[in-house]
Amino acid sequence: MTEQELMGNRHDYDVVIVGGGAAGLSAALTLGRVRRSVLVVDSGQPRNAPAEHMHGFLSRDGMPPGSLLERGRHEVAAYGVTVVTGAAVSASGKPDDFTVVLGDERRVRARRLLVTTGGVDELPDVEGLAARWGRDVVHCPYCHGWEVRDERIGVLATGPMSVHQALLFRQLSDDVTLLPHTAPAPAGEEAEQLAARGIAVVPGEVTALEVTADRLTGVRLTTGQVVPVGALAVASYLRPRAELLAPLGLKPEPHPSGMGEYIPADANGLTAVPGVWAAGNVTDLSANVIASTAAGARAGAMINADLIAAEARAAVSGRRQPFSHEAEARNAERVLGTRGHGLATRQE
């Protein structure tokens, strides 16, 4: 079914996937290949949109993130998956009867629901920082560390993992400086680790980035001091895009790492609400593109297994009780379709 055919109508699917990033499209591919009817609702706001390239994805290292998603949409379409552009504003119901309301008030029904909406990176309020996010302001040594290797790397403290982040980036450069910013300077064992690895600590609140010829050259402190850096590592606070789940009773919770919030789910992506799965950054703050892809594929397989189990139970029940009310209703629908009592429905 095309997006145009969906317009203005209500349609039923085995699975509705909210979020068309790596996790969502991977799940759609898995489900489409086992002949499930799947709708993907994508707002077009992937978390990694500011990055020019993605890394750490075997055979796709260096590919622009948008190119991966474009290829993914083309692949899932070959298996009958429908992808629509738009927001999903709410979800309600129960297994076999979920309703997802889209931003333009279209409604779709799903037997199962998968949320892969990712998250929003909240950054420190430092002048010039947001504009360079994904360029020379980075957060993950595995995603962007190679690109800033051997630079003067500053690490802006934003939470409890900042010392760990500084130690990670020390693997990539001999010149790493931790900037405690508004936090106290590290003490005890952490201070000893930094000193042993030759990581300088420069106290003072950071107020702005210094940029010359479109290149980061330093960070300015409230004292006026400029600390020279060619790259700045910043751990954002990640908030999941999960507002649509509130009617189901699913709300974000603080992550144990202190790095943000998430929708808790088990290893297969199943949330606390039966029939609702989550994959990617909405539930795993540290997942990069390849990890999100894998999580989506696993969630898709688990959803299919759940549907198969439900279908088998229904088939067994029907076999044991061939003349039950439910079985008779199914048989009537199969035989009569839109007709009642053997009479064709009047056509207007």
C-alpha atoms as a PDB file:
ATOM      1  CA  MET A   1       0.000   0.000   0.000  1.00  0.00           C
ATOM      2  CA  THR A   2       1.321   3.438  -0.917  1.00  0.00           C
ATOM      3  CA  GLU A   3       1.288   6.534   1.271  1.00  0.00           C
ATOM      4  CA  GLN A   4      -1.320   8.046  -1.034  1.00  0.00           C
ATOM      5  CA  GLU A   5      -3.635   5.068  -0.478  1.00  0.00           C
ATOM      6  CA  LEU A   6      -3.282   5.524   3.285  1.00  0.00           C
ATOM      7  CA  MET A   7      -4.420   9.130   3.162  1.00  0.00           C
ATOM      8  CA  GLY A   8      -7.799   9.731   4.738  1.00  0.00           C
ATOM      9  CA  ASN A   9      -8.371   6.090   5.633  1.00  0.00           C
ATOM     10  CA  ARG A  10      -7.959   3.735   8.564  1.00  0.00           C
ATOM     11  CA  HIS A  11      -5.925   0.611   7.890  1.00  0.00           C
ATOM     12  CA  ASP A  12      -4.848  -2.406   9.899  1.00  0.00           C
ATOM     13  CA  TYR A  13      -1.302  -3.742  10.103  1.00  0.00           C
ATOM     14  CA  ASP A  14       0.454  -6.561  11.867  1.00  0.00           C
ATOM     15  CA  VAL A  15       3.050  -4.062  13.103  1.00  0.00           C
ATOM     16  CA  VAL A  16       3.300  -0.292  13.177  1.00  0.00           C
ATOM     17  CA  ILE A  17       6.849   0.994  13.648  1.00  0.00           C
ATOM     18  CA  VAL A  18       7.207   4.573  14.836  1.00  0.00           C
ATOM     19  CA  GLY A  19      10.615   5.858  13.765  1.00  0.00           C
ATOM     20  CA  GLY A  20      12.302   5.284  10.414  1.00  0.00           C
ATOM     21  CA  GLY A  21      15.954   5.332  11.445  1.00  0.00           C
ATOM     22  CA  ALA A  22      18.369   2.409  11.424  1.00  0.00           C
ATOM     23  CA  ALA A  23      16.509   0.469  14.136  1.00  0.00           C
ATOM     24  CA  GLY A  24      13.054   0.995  12.656  1.00  0.00           C
ATOM     25  CA  LEU A  25      13.987   0.152   9.067  1.00  0.00           C
ATOM     26  CA  SER A  26      15.980  -2.880  10.178  1.00  0.00           C
ATOM     27  CA  ALA A  27      12.936  -4.197  12.049  1.00  0.00           C
ATOM     28  CA  ALA A  28      10.748  -3.434   9.021  1.00  0.00           C
ATOM     29  CA  LEU A  29      13.101  -5.396   6.769  1.00  0.00           C
ATOM     30  CA  THR A  30      13.029  -8.397   9.110  1.00  0.00           C
ATOM     31  CA  LEU A  31       9.233  -8.324   9.368  1.00  0.00           C
ATOM     32  CA  GLY A  32       8.632  -7.624   5.689  1.00  0.00           C
ATOM     33  CA  ARG A  33      10.708 -10.632   4.690  1.00  0.00           C
ATOM     34  CA  VAL A  34       8.405 -12.925   6.704  1.00  0.00           C
ATOM     35  CA  ARG A  35       5.360 -11.401   4.977  1.00  0.00           C
ATOM     36  CA  ARG A  36       4.083  -9.278   7.849  1.00  0.00           C
ATOM     37  CA  SER A  37       2.097  -6.173   6.958  1.00  0.00           C
ATOM     38  CA  VAL A  38       4.156  -3.270   8.275  1.00  0.00           C
ATOM     39  CA  LEU A  39       3.759   0.495   8.422  1.00  0.00           C
ATOM     40  CA  VAL A  40       6.726   2.720   9.292  1.00  0.00           C
ATOM     41  CA  VAL A  41       5.914   6.256  10.443  1.00  0.00           C
ATOM     42  CA  ASP A  42       8.968   8.500  10.138  1.00  0.00           C
ATOM     43  CA  SER A  43       9.238  12.142  11.190  1.00  0.00           C
ATOM     44  CA  GLY A  44      12.528  12.567   9.333  1.00  0.00           C
ATOM     45  CA  GLN A  45      14.533  13.698  12.380  1.00  0.00           C
ATOM     46  CA  PRO A  46      17.278  11.116  12.983  1.00  0.00           C
ATOM     47  CA  ARG A  47      19.556  11.782  15.947  1.00  0.00           C
ATOM     48  CA  ASN A  48      22.697  11.630  13.781  1.00  0.00           C
ATOM     49  CA  ALA A  49      21.444  14.132  11.185  1.00  0.00           C
ATOM     50  CA  PRO A  50      24.127  16.740  12.120  1.00  0.00           C
ATOM     51  CA  ALA A  51      26.928  14.274  11.283  1.00  0.00           C
ATOM     52  CA  GLU A  52      28.274  14.205   7.739  1.00  0.00           C
ATOM     53  CA  HIS A  53      29.387  10.586   8.013  1.00  0.00           C
ATOM     54  CA  MET A  54      28.741   7.570  10.197  1.00  0.00           C
ATOM     55  CA  HIS A  55      31.435   5.183  11.358  1.00  0.00           C
ATOM     56  CA  GLY A  56      31.872   1.763  12.874  1.00  0.00           C
ATOM     57  CA  PHE A  57      29.327   0.119  10.538  1.00  0.00           C
ATOM     58  CA  LEU A  58      31.077  -2.743   8.757  1.00  0.00           C
ATOM     59  CA  SER A  59      30.985  -2.240   4.958  1.00  0.00           C
ATOM     60  CA  ARG A  60      29.299   1.166   5.424  1.00  0.00           C
ATOM     61  CA  ASP A  61      32.041   3.070   7.266  1.00  0.00           C
ATOM     62  CA  GLY A  62      32.094   6.711   6.175  1.00  0.00           C
ATOM     63  CA  MET A  63      28.669   6.620   4.507  1.00  0.00           C
ATOM     64  CA  PRO A  64      26.459   9.700   5.043  1.00  0.00           C
ATOM     65  CA  PRO A  65      23.664   8.766   7.487  1.00  0.00           C
ATOM     66  CA  GLY A  66      20.995   9.924   5.059  1.00  0.00           C
ATOM     67  CA  SER A  67      22.285   7.608   2.349  1.00  0.00           C
ATOM     68  CA  LEU A  68      21.908   4.586   4.617  1.00  0.00           C
ATOM     69  CA  LEU A  69      18.296   5.489   5.388  1.00  0.00           C
ATOM     70  CA  GLU A  70      17.481   6.154   1.737  1.00  0.00           C
ATOM     71  CA  ARG A  71      18.831   2.748   0.792  1.00  0.00           C
ATOM     72  CA  GLY A  72      16.960   1.169   3.693  1.00  0.00           C
ATOM     73  CA  ARG A  73      13.624   2.662   2.622  1.00  0.00           C
ATOM     74  CA  HIS A  74      14.163   1.330  -0.875  1.00  0.00           C
ATOM     75  CA  GLU A  75      14.942  -2.153   0.457  1.00  0.00           C
ATOM     76  CA  VAL A  76      11.919  -2.427   2.766  1.00  0.00           C
ATOM     77  CA  ALA A  77       9.583  -1.223   0.012  1.00  0.00           C
ATOM     78  CA  ALA A  78      10.585  -4.291  -2.023  1.00  0.00           C
ATOM     79  CA  TYR A  79       8.954  -6.431   0.679  1.00  0.00           C
ATOM     80  CA  GLY A  80       5.689  -4.527   0.775  1.00  0.00           C
ATOM     81  CA  VAL A  81       6.485  -2.291   3.757  1.00  0.00           C
ATOM     82  CA  THR A  82       4.764   1.109   3.696  1.00  0.00           C
ATOM     83  CA  VAL A  83       6.778   4.116   4.898  1.00  0.00           C
ATOM     84  CA  VAL A  84       4.952   7.387   5.534  1.00  0.00           C
ATOM     85  CA  THR A  85       6.422  10.743   6.463  1.00  0.00           C
ATOM     86  CA  GLY A  86       4.915  12.338   9.535  1.00  0.00           C
ATOM     87  CA  ALA A  87       4.700  12.258  13.297  1.00  0.00           C
ATOM     88  CA  ALA A  88       2.892   9.777  15.499  1.00  0.00           C
ATOM     89  CA  VAL A  89       1.337  11.754  18.345  1.00  0.00           C
ATOM     90  CA  SER A  90      -0.235   9.036  20.473  1.00  0.00           C
ATOM     91  CA  ALA A  91      -0.676   5.304  20.845  1.00  0.00           C
ATOM     92  CA  SER A  92      -3.344   3.483  22.811  1.00  0.00           C
ATOM     93  CA  GLY A  93      -4.982   0.096  23.112  1.00  0.00           C
ATOM     94  CA  LYS A  94      -3.766  -3.441  23.766  1.00  0.00           C
ATOM     95  CA  PRO A  95      -2.242  -6.350  21.845  1.00  0.00           C
ATOM     96  CA  ASP A  96      -4.130  -6.973  18.586  1.00  0.00           C
ATOM     97  CA  ASP A  97      -5.905  -3.650  18.985  1.00  0.00           C
ATOM     98  CA  PHE A  98      -3.439  -0.757  19.187  1.00  0.00           C
ATOM     99  CA  THR A  99      -4.394   2.552  17.599  1.00  0.00           C
ATOM    100  CA  VAL A 100      -1.729   5.022  16.502  1.00  0.00           C
ATOM    101  CA  VAL A 101      -2.819   8.591  15.789  1.00  0.00           C
ATOM    102  CA  LEU A 102      -0.709  10.529  13.312  1.00  0.00           C
ATOM    103  CA  GLY A 103      -0.128  14.270  13.346  1.00  0.00           C
ATOM    104  CA  ASP A 104      -2.634  14.839  10.543  1.00  0.00           C
ATOM    105  CA  GLU A 105      -5.287  12.884  12.515  1.00  0.00           C
ATOM    106  CA  ARG A 106      -5.006   9.753  10.392  1.00  0.00           C
ATOM    107  CA  ARG A 107      -5.449   6.615  12.500  1.00  0.00           C
ATOM    108  CA  VAL A 108      -3.896   3.216  11.948  1.00  0.00           C
ATOM    109  CA  ARG A 109      -4.483  -0.004  13.827  1.00  0.00           C
ATOM    110  CA  ALA A 110      -1.749  -2.461  14.763  1.00  0.00           C
ATOM    111  CA  ARG A 111      -1.527  -5.856  16.376  1.00  0.00           C
ATOM    112  CA  ARG A 112       1.917  -4.956  17.729  1.00  0.00           C
ATOM    113  CA  LEU A 113       3.807  -1.679  18.169  1.00  0.00           C
ATOM    114  CA  LEU A 114       7.537  -0.963  17.884  1.00  0.00           C
ATOM    115  CA  VAL A 115       8.947   2.419  18.929  1.00  0.00           C
ATOM    116  CA  THR A 116      12.324   3.400  17.442  1.00  0.00           C
ATOM    117  CA  THR A 117      12.022   7.168  17.733  1.00  0.00           C
ATOM    118  CA  GLY A 118      15.529   7.790  19.088  1.00  0.00           C
ATOM    119  CA  GLY A 119      16.284  10.763  21.268  1.00  0.00           C
ATOM    120  CA  VAL A 120      17.193  14.424  21.418  1.00  0.00           C
ATOM    121  CA  ASP A 121      20.660  15.503  22.559  1.00  0.00           C
ATOM    122  CA  GLU A 122      20.475  18.283  25.130  1.00  0.00           C
ATOM    123  CA  LEU A 123      23.743  20.249  25.064  1.00  0.00           C
ATOM    124  CA  PRO A 124      25.334  22.603  27.590  1.00  0.00           C
ATOM    125  CA  ASP A 125      24.409  26.246  27.146  1.00  0.00           C
ATOM    126  CA  VAL A 126      27.782  27.354  25.809  1.00  0.00           C
ATOM    127  CA  GLU A 127      27.960  29.953  23.062  1.00  0.00           C
ATOM    128  CA  GLY A 128      28.826  28.404  19.694  1.00  0.00           C
ATOM    129  CA  LEU A 129      28.704  24.797  20.890  1.00  0.00           C
ATOM    130  CA  ALA A 130      25.456  23.626  19.268  1.00  0.00           C
ATOM    131  CA  ALA A 131      26.486  25.012  15.863  1.00  0.00           C
ATOM    132  CA  ARG A 132      29.532  22.732  15.773  1.00  0.00           C
ATOM    133  CA  TRP A 133      27.823  19.603  17.118  1.00  0.00           C
ATOM    134  CA  GLY A 134      28.711  16.622  14.938  1.00  0.00           C
ATOM    135  CA  ARG A 135      31.679  18.437  13.412  1.00  0.00           C
ATOM    136  CA  ASP A 136      34.555  19.237  15.793  1.00  0.00           C
ATOM    137  CA  VAL A 137      32.278  19.027  18.838  1.00  0.00           C
ATOM    138  CA  VAL A 138      31.788  15.287  19.302  1.00  0.00           C
ATOM    139  CA  HIS A 139      30.698  12.867  21.999  1.00  0.00           C
ATOM    140  CA  CYS A 140      31.710   9.314  21.077  1.00  0.00           C
ATOM    141  CA  PRO A 141      35.288   8.128  20.469  1.00  0.00           C
ATOM    142  CA  TYR A 142      33.993   5.170  18.466  1.00  0.00           C
ATOM    143  CA  CYS A 143      31.822   7.333  16.196  1.00  0.00           C
ATOM    144  CA  HIS A 144      34.145  10.299  15.619  1.00  0.00           C
ATOM    145  CA  GLY A 145      37.383   9.662  17.512  1.00  0.00           C
ATOM    146  CA  TRP A 146      39.469   8.715  14.484  1.00  0.00           C
ATOM    147  CA  GLU A 147      38.563  11.991  12.805  1.00  0.00           C
ATOM    148  CA  VAL A 148      39.980  14.045  15.719  1.00  0.00           C
ATOM    149  CA  ARG A 149      43.006  11.848  16.424  1.00  0.00           C
ATOM    150  CA  ASP A 150      46.178  13.706  17.421  1.00  0.00           C
ATOM    151  CA  GLU A 151      44.246  16.956  17.868  1.00  0.00           C
ATOM    152  CA  ARG A 152      44.287  18.979  21.051  1.00  0.00           C
ATOM    153  CA  ILE A 153      41.129  17.508  22.540  1.00  0.00           C
ATOM    154  CA  GLY A 154      39.156  19.210  25.279  1.00  0.00           C
ATOM    155  CA  VAL A 155      36.611  17.250  27.296  1.00  0.00           C
ATOM    156  CA  LEU A 156      33.793  19.369  28.688  1.00  0.00           C
ATOM    157  CA  ALA A 157      32.462  17.811  31.891  1.00  0.00           C
ATOM    158  CA  THR A 158      28.691  17.413  31.841  1.00  0.00           C
ATOM    159  CA  GLY A 159      28.044  14.497  34.181  1.00  0.00           C
ATOM    160  CA  PRO A 160      29.395  11.546  36.136  1.00  0.00           C
ATOM    161  CA  MET A 161      31.016   9.905  33.087  1.00  0.00           C
ATOM    162  CA  SER A 162      33.259  12.837  32.134  1.00  0.00           C
ATOM    163  CA  VAL A 163      36.479  11.409  33.585  1.00  0.00           C
ATOM    164  CA  HIS A 164      35.793   8.145  31.783  1.00  0.00           C
ATOM    165  CA  GLN A 165      35.232  10.113  28.585  1.00  0.00           C
ATOM    166  CA  ALA A 166      38.571  11.881  29.017  1.00  0.00           C
ATOM    167  CA  LEU A 167      40.336   8.543  29.477  1.00  0.00           C
ATOM    168  CA  LEU A 168      38.681   7.227  26.317  1.00  0.00           C
ATOM    169  CA  PHE A 169      39.848  10.167  24.210  1.00  0.00           C
ATOM    170  CA  ARG A 170      43.357   9.886  25.672  1.00  0.00           C
ATOM    171  CA  GLN A 171      43.659   6.748  23.532  1.00  0.00           C
ATOM    172  CA  LEU A 172      43.402   9.001  20.464  1.00  0.00           C
ATOM    173  CA  SER A 173      45.644  11.902  21.407  1.00  0.00           C
ATOM    174  CA  ASP A 174      48.527  12.721  23.709  1.00  0.00           C
ATOM    175  CA  ASP A 175      47.064  16.186  24.305  1.00  0.00           C
ATOM    176  CA  VAL A 176      43.802  15.881  26.266  1.00  0.00           C
ATOM    177  CA  THR A 177      42.451  18.460  28.709  1.00  0.00           C
ATOM    178  CA  LEU A 178      39.520  17.963  31.046  1.00  0.00           C
ATOM    179  CA  LEU A 179      37.410  21.073  31.596  1.00  0.00           C
ATOM    180  CA  PRO A 180      35.316  20.563  34.769  1.00  0.00           C
ATOM    181  CA  HIS A 181      33.137  23.524  33.724  1.00  0.00           C
ATOM    182  CA  THR A 182      30.509  23.939  36.459  1.00  0.00           C
ATOM    183  CA  ALA A 183      31.458  20.748  38.315  1.00  0.00           C
ATOM    184  CA  PRO A 184      34.107  20.337  41.014  1.00  0.00           C
ATOM    185  CA  ALA A 185      37.546  19.246  39.848  1.00  0.00           C
ATOM    186  CA  PRO A 186      38.066  15.467  40.083  1.00  0.00           C
ATOM    187  CA  ALA A 187      39.548  14.202  43.321  1.00  0.00           C
ATOM    188  CA  GLY A 188      40.864  10.973  44.770  1.00  0.00           C
ATOM    189  CA  GLU A 189      41.303   8.014  42.447  1.00  0.00           C
ATOM    190  CA  GLU A 190      39.905   9.882  39.442  1.00  0.00           C
ATOM    191  CA  ALA A 191      42.417  12.696  39.846  1.00  0.00           C
ATOM    192  CA  GLU A 192      45.199  10.136  40.156  1.00  0.00           C
ATOM    193  CA  GLN A 193      44.102   8.385  36.957  1.00  0.00           C
ATOM    194  CA  LEU A 194      44.054  11.661  35.032  1.00  0.00           C
ATOM    195  CA  ALA A 195      47.480  12.642  36.279  1.00  0.00           C
ATOM    196  CA  ALA A 196      48.921   9.222  35.494  1.00  0.00           C
ATOM    197  CA  ARG A 197      47.651   9.449  31.922  1.00  0.00           C
ATOM    198  CA  GLY A 198      48.920  12.988  31.451  1.00  0.00           C
ATOM    199  CA  ILE A 199      45.480  14.540  31.150  1.00  0.00           C
ATOM    200  CA  ALA A 200      45.488  18.178  32.244  1.00  0.00           C
ATOM    201  CA  VAL A 201      42.644  19.619  34.312  1.00  0.00           C
ATOM    202  CA  VAL A 202      41.771  23.292  33.765  1.00  0.00           C
ATOM    203  CA  PRO A 203      39.070  24.509  36.189  1.00  0.00           C
ATOM    204  CA  GLY A 204      36.657  27.310  35.353  1.00  0.00           C
ATOM    205  CA  GLU A 205      33.309  27.672  33.668  1.00  0.00           C
ATOM    206  CA  VAL A 206      33.339  27.567  29.859  1.00  0.00           C
ATOM    207  CA  THR A 207      31.378  30.417  28.288  1.00  0.00           C
ATOM    208  CA  ALA A 208      32.091  30.217  24.549  1.00  0.00           C
ATOM    209  CA  LEU A 209      33.902  28.449  21.756  1.00  0.00           C
ATOM    210  CA  GLU A 210      36.609  30.192  19.778  1.00  0.00           C
ATOM    211  CA  VAL A 211      36.359  29.558  16.042  1.00  0.00           C
ATOM    212  CA  THR A 212      38.768  30.735  13.347  1.00  0.00           C
ATOM    213  CA  ALA A 213      38.173  30.201   9.614  1.00  0.00           C
ATOM    214  CA  ASP A 214      35.405  27.724  10.435  1.00  0.00           C
ATOM    215  CA  ARG A 215      37.680  25.664  12.663  1.00  0.00           C
ATOM    216  CA  LEU A 216      37.479  25.224  16.424  1.00  0.00           C
ATOM    217  CA  THR A 217      40.589  26.719  17.988  1.00  0.00           C
ATOM    218  CA  GLY A 218      39.774  27.014  21.681  1.00  0.00           C
ATOM    219  CA  VAL A 219      37.298  27.438  24.515  1.00  0.00           C
ATOM    220  CA  ARG A 220      36.950  30.637  26.533  1.00  0.00           C
ATOM    221  CA  LEU A 221      36.480  30.601  30.313  1.00  0.00           C
ATOM    222  CA  THR A 222      34.698  33.178  32.457  1.00  0.00           C
ATOM    223  CA  THR A 223      38.133  34.407  33.517  1.00  0.00           C
ATOM    224  CA  GLY A 224      38.896  35.321  29.911  1.00  0.00           C
ATOM    225  CA  GLN A 225      41.435  32.542  29.580  1.00  0.00           C
ATOM    226  CA  VAL A 226      41.334  30.688  26.262  1.00  0.00           C
ATOM    227  CA  VAL A 227      42.285  27.015  26.362  1.00  0.00           C
ATOM    228  CA  PRO A 228      43.531  25.927  22.919  1.00  0.00           C
ATOM    229  CA  VAL A 229      41.658  22.904  21.520  1.00  0.00           C
ATOM    230  CA  GLY A 230      41.053  21.573  18.041  1.00  0.00           C
ATOM    231  CA  ALA A 231      38.191  19.322  19.098  1.00  0.00           C
ATOM    232  CA  LEU A 232      35.806  19.258  22.029  1.00  0.00           C
ATOM    233  CA  ALA A 233      34.222  16.109  23.470  1.00  0.00           C
ATOM    234  CA  VAL A 234      30.871  16.705  25.132  1.00  0.00           C
ATOM    235  CA  ALA A 235      28.524  14.107  26.583  1.00  0.00           C
ATOM    236  CA  SER A 236      24.983  15.258  25.896  1.00  0.00           C
ATOM    237  CA  TYR A 237      21.938  14.502  28.038  1.00  0.00           C
ATOM    238  CA  LEU A 238      19.714  12.280  25.932  1.00  0.00           C
ATOM    239  CA  ARG A 239      15.928  12.558  26.147  1.00  0.00           C
ATOM    240  CA  PRO A 240      13.895   9.944  24.265  1.00  0.00           C
ATOM    241  CA  ARG A 241      11.180  10.950  21.845  1.00  0.00           C
ATOM    242  CA  ALA A 242       8.510   8.951  23.603  1.00  0.00           C
ATOM    243  CA  GLU A 243       5.573  11.288  24.200  1.00  0.00           C
ATOM    244  CA  LEU A 244       3.277   9.089  22.105  1.00  0.00           C
ATOM    245  CA  LEU A 245       3.645   6.268  24.664  1.00  0.00           C
ATOM    246  CA  ALA A 246       2.179   8.240  27.580  1.00  0.00           C
ATOM    247  CA  PRO A 247      -1.415   7.015  26.966  1.00  0.00           C
ATOM    248  CA  LEU A 248      -0.078   3.469  27.342  1.00  0.00           C
ATOM    249  CA  GLY A 249       1.492   4.304  30.694  1.00  0.00           C
ATOM    250  CA  LEU A 250       5.052   4.213  29.378  1.00  0.00           C
ATOM    251  CA  LYS A 251       7.122   7.206  30.430  1.00  0.00           C
ATOM    252  CA  PRO A 252      10.871   7.838  30.272  1.00  0.00           C
ATOM    253  CA  GLU A 253      12.894   6.996  33.368  1.00  0.00           C
ATOM    254  CA  PRO A 254      16.322   8.285  34.475  1.00  0.00           C
ATOM    255  CA  HIS A 255      19.050   6.040  33.085  1.00  0.00           C
ATOM    256  CA  PRO A 256      21.326   4.429  35.716  1.00  0.00           C
ATOM    257  CA  SER A 257      24.369   6.010  34.040  1.00  0.00           C
ATOM    258  CA  GLY A 258      23.046   9.523  34.678  1.00  0.00           C
ATOM    259  CA  MET A 259      23.506  10.275  30.965  1.00  0.00           C
ATOM    260  CA  GLY A 260      19.842  10.785  30.173  1.00  0.00           C
ATOM    261  CA  GLU A 261      16.454   9.093  30.182  1.00  0.00           C
ATOM    262  CA  TYR A 262      15.129   5.983  28.466  1.00  0.00           C
ATOM    263  CA  ILE A 263      12.182   3.643  28.005  1.00  0.00           C
ATOM    264  CA  PRO A 264      13.145   0.442  29.861  1.00  0.00           C
ATOM    265  CA  ALA A 265      12.961  -2.745  27.788  1.00  0.00           C
ATOM    266  CA  ASP A 266      14.346  -6.267  28.042  1.00  0.00           C
ATOM    267  CA  ALA A 267      17.127  -7.717  25.890  1.00  0.00           C
ATOM    268  CA  ASN A 268      14.635  -8.394  23.094  1.00  0.00           C
ATOM    269  CA  GLY A 269      13.153  -4.895  23.210  1.00  0.00           C
ATOM    270  CA  LEU A 270       9.900  -5.780  24.988  1.00  0.00           C
ATOM    271  CA  THR A 271       8.692  -3.002  27.285  1.00  0.00           C
ATOM    272  CA  ALA A 272       6.566  -3.306  30.420  1.00  0.00           C
ATOM    273  CA  VAL A 273       3.437  -2.997  28.255  1.00  0.00           C
ATOM    274  CA  PRO A 274       2.496  -6.243  26.461  1.00  0.00           C
ATOM    275  CA  GLY A 275       2.660  -5.884  22.707  1.00  0.00           C
ATOM    276  CA  VAL A 276       4.914  -2.810  22.765  1.00  0.00           C
ATOM    277  CA  TRP A 277       8.605  -3.043  21.862  1.00  0.00           C
ATOM    278  CA  ALA A 278      11.393  -0.454  21.750  1.00  0.00           C
ATOM    279  CA  ALA A 279      14.760  -0.448  19.971  1.00  0.00           C
ATOM    280  CA  GLY A 280      17.631   1.960  19.367  1.00  0.00           C
ATOM    281  CA  ASN A 281      18.420   5.083  21.369  1.00  0.00           C
ATOM    282  CA  VAL A 282      14.906   5.362  22.774  1.00  0.00           C
ATOM    283  CA  THR A 283      15.863   2.497  25.102  1.00  0.00           C
ATOM    284  CA  ASP A 284      19.664   2.183  24.714  1.00  0.00           C
ATOM    285  CA  LEU A 285      21.505   5.475  25.176  1.00  0.00           C
ATOM    286  CA  SER A 286      24.871   4.149  24.002  1.00  0.00           C
ATOM    287  CA  ALA A 287      23.691   2.389  20.825  1.00  0.00           C
ATOM    288  CA  ASN A 288      25.442   3.573  17.671  1.00  0.00           C
ATOM    289  CA  VAL A 289      24.054   2.974  14.172  1.00  0.00           C
ATOM    290  CA  ILE A 290      25.168  -0.625  13.839  1.00  0.00           C
ATOM    291  CA  ALA A 291      23.986  -1.511  17.349  1.00  0.00           C
ATOM    292  CA  SER A 292      20.621   0.110  16.666  1.00  0.00           C
ATOM    293  CA  THR A 293      20.368  -1.827  13.403  1.00  0.00           C
ATOM    294  CA  ALA A 294      21.004  -5.087  15.234  1.00  0.00           C
ATOM    295  CA  ALA A 295      18.514  -4.203  17.983  1.00  0.00           C
ATOM    296  CA  GLY A 296      15.856  -3.444  15.383  1.00  0.00           C
ATOM    297  CA  ALA A 297      16.419  -6.760  13.629  1.00  0.00           C
ATOM    298  CA  ARG A 298      16.153  -8.634  16.920  1.00  0.00           C
ATOM    299  CA  ALA A 299      13.016  -6.776  17.984  1.00  0.00           C
ATOM    300  CA  GLY A 300      11.456  -7.512  14.593  1.00  0.00           C
ATOM    301  CA  ALA A 301      12.171 -11.216  14.942  1.00  0.00           C
ATOM    302  CA  MET A 302      10.789 -11.281  18.487  1.00  0.00           C
ATOM    303  CA  ILE A 303       7.618  -9.485  17.420  1.00  0.00           C
ATOM    304  CA  ASN A 304       7.114 -12.003  14.644  1.00  0.00           C
ATOM    305  CA  ALA A 305       7.628 -14.860  17.140  1.00  0.00           C
ATOM    306  CA  ASP A 306       5.053 -13.274  19.450  1.00  0.00           C
ATOM    307  CA  LEU A 307       2.533 -13.006  16.612  1.00  0.00           C
ATOM    308  CA  ILE A 308       3.175 -16.599  15.568  1.00  0.00           C
ATOM    309  CA  ALA A 309       2.561 -17.790  19.129  1.00  0.00           C
ATOM    310  CA  ALA A 310      -0.708 -15.829  19.292  1.00  0.00           C
ATOM    311  CA  GLU A 311      -1.823 -17.206  15.928  1.00  0.00           C
ATOM    312  CA  ALA A 312      -1.009 -20.758  16.981  1.00  0.00           C
ATOM    313  CA  ARG A 313      -3.017 -20.362  20.186  1.00  0.00           C
ATOM    314  CA  ALA A 314      -5.986 -19.047  18.224  1.00  0.00           C
ATOM    315  CA  ALA A 315      -5.741 -21.907  15.729  1.00  0.00           C
ATOM    316  CA  VAL A 316      -5.639 -24.517  18.499  1.00  0.00           C
ATOM    317  CA  SER A 317      -8.591 -22.896  20.231  1.00  0.00           C
ATOM    318  CA  GLY A 318     -10.568 -22.892  16.998  1.00  0.00           C
ATOM    319  CA  ARG A 319      -9.734 -26.547  16.378  1.00  0.00           C
ATOM    320  CA  ARG A 320     -10.854 -27.531  19.875  1.00  0.00           C
ATOM    321  CA  GLN A 321     -14.014 -25.442  19.720  1.00  0.00           C
ATOM    322  CA  PRO A 322     -15.032 -25.379  16.043  1.00  0.00           C
ATOM    323  CA  PHE A 323     -18.508 -23.992  16.775  1.00  0.00           C
ATOM    324  CA  SER A 324     -17.565 -21.355  19.316  1.00  0.00           C
ATOM    325  CA  HIS A 325     -18.852 -17.809  18.914  1.00  0.00           C
ATOM    326  CA  GLU A 326     -15.391 -16.607  17.859  1.00  0.00           C
ATOM    327  CA  ALA A 327     -14.943 -19.406  15.316  1.00  0.00           C
ATOM    328  CA  GLU A 328     -18.369 -18.798  13.818  1.00  0.00           C
ATOM    329  CA  ALA A 329     -17.651 -15.088  13.501  1.00  0.00           C
ATOM    330  CA  ARG A 330     -14.378 -15.798  11.717  1.00  0.00           C
ATOM    331  CA  ASN A 331     -16.036 -18.260   9.354  1.00  0.00           C
ATOM    332  CA  ALA A 332     -18.850 -15.823   8.601  1.00  0.00           C
ATOM    333  CA  GLU A 333     -16.360 -13.076   7.798  1.00  0.00           C
ATOM    334  CA  ARG A 334     -14.329 -15.430   5.611  1.00  0.00           C
ATOM    335  CA  VAL A 335     -17.377 -16.609   3.627  1.00  0.00           C
ATOM    336  CA  LEU A 336     -19.571 -13.517   3.482  1.00  0.00           C
ATOM    337  CA  GLY A 337     -17.040 -10.729   3.492  1.00  0.00           C
ATOM    338  CA  THR A 338     -19.042  -7.483   3.260  1.00  0.00           C
ATOM    339  CA  ARG A 339     -22.327  -9.319   2.665  1.00  0.00           C
ATOM    340  CA  GLY A 340     -24.885 -10.192   5.313  1.00  0.00           C
ATOM    341  CA  HIS A 341     -27.287 -13.159   5.349  1.00  0.00           C
ATOM    342  CA  GLY A 342     -26.179 -14.105   1.857  1.00  0.00           C
ATOM    343  CA  LEU A 343     -27.309 -10.774   0.382  1.00  0.00           C
ATOM    344  CA  ALA A 344     -24.870  -8.475  -1.351  1.00  0.00           C
ATOM    345  CA  THR A 345     -24.402  -5.098   0.298  1.00  0.00           C
ATOM    346  CA  ARG A 346     -26.168  -2.360  -1.622  1.00  0.00           C
ATOM    347  CA  GLN A 347     -23.772  -0.234  -3.629  1.00  0.00           C
ATOM    348  CA  GLU A 348     -24.439   3.493  -3.511  1.00  0.00           C
END
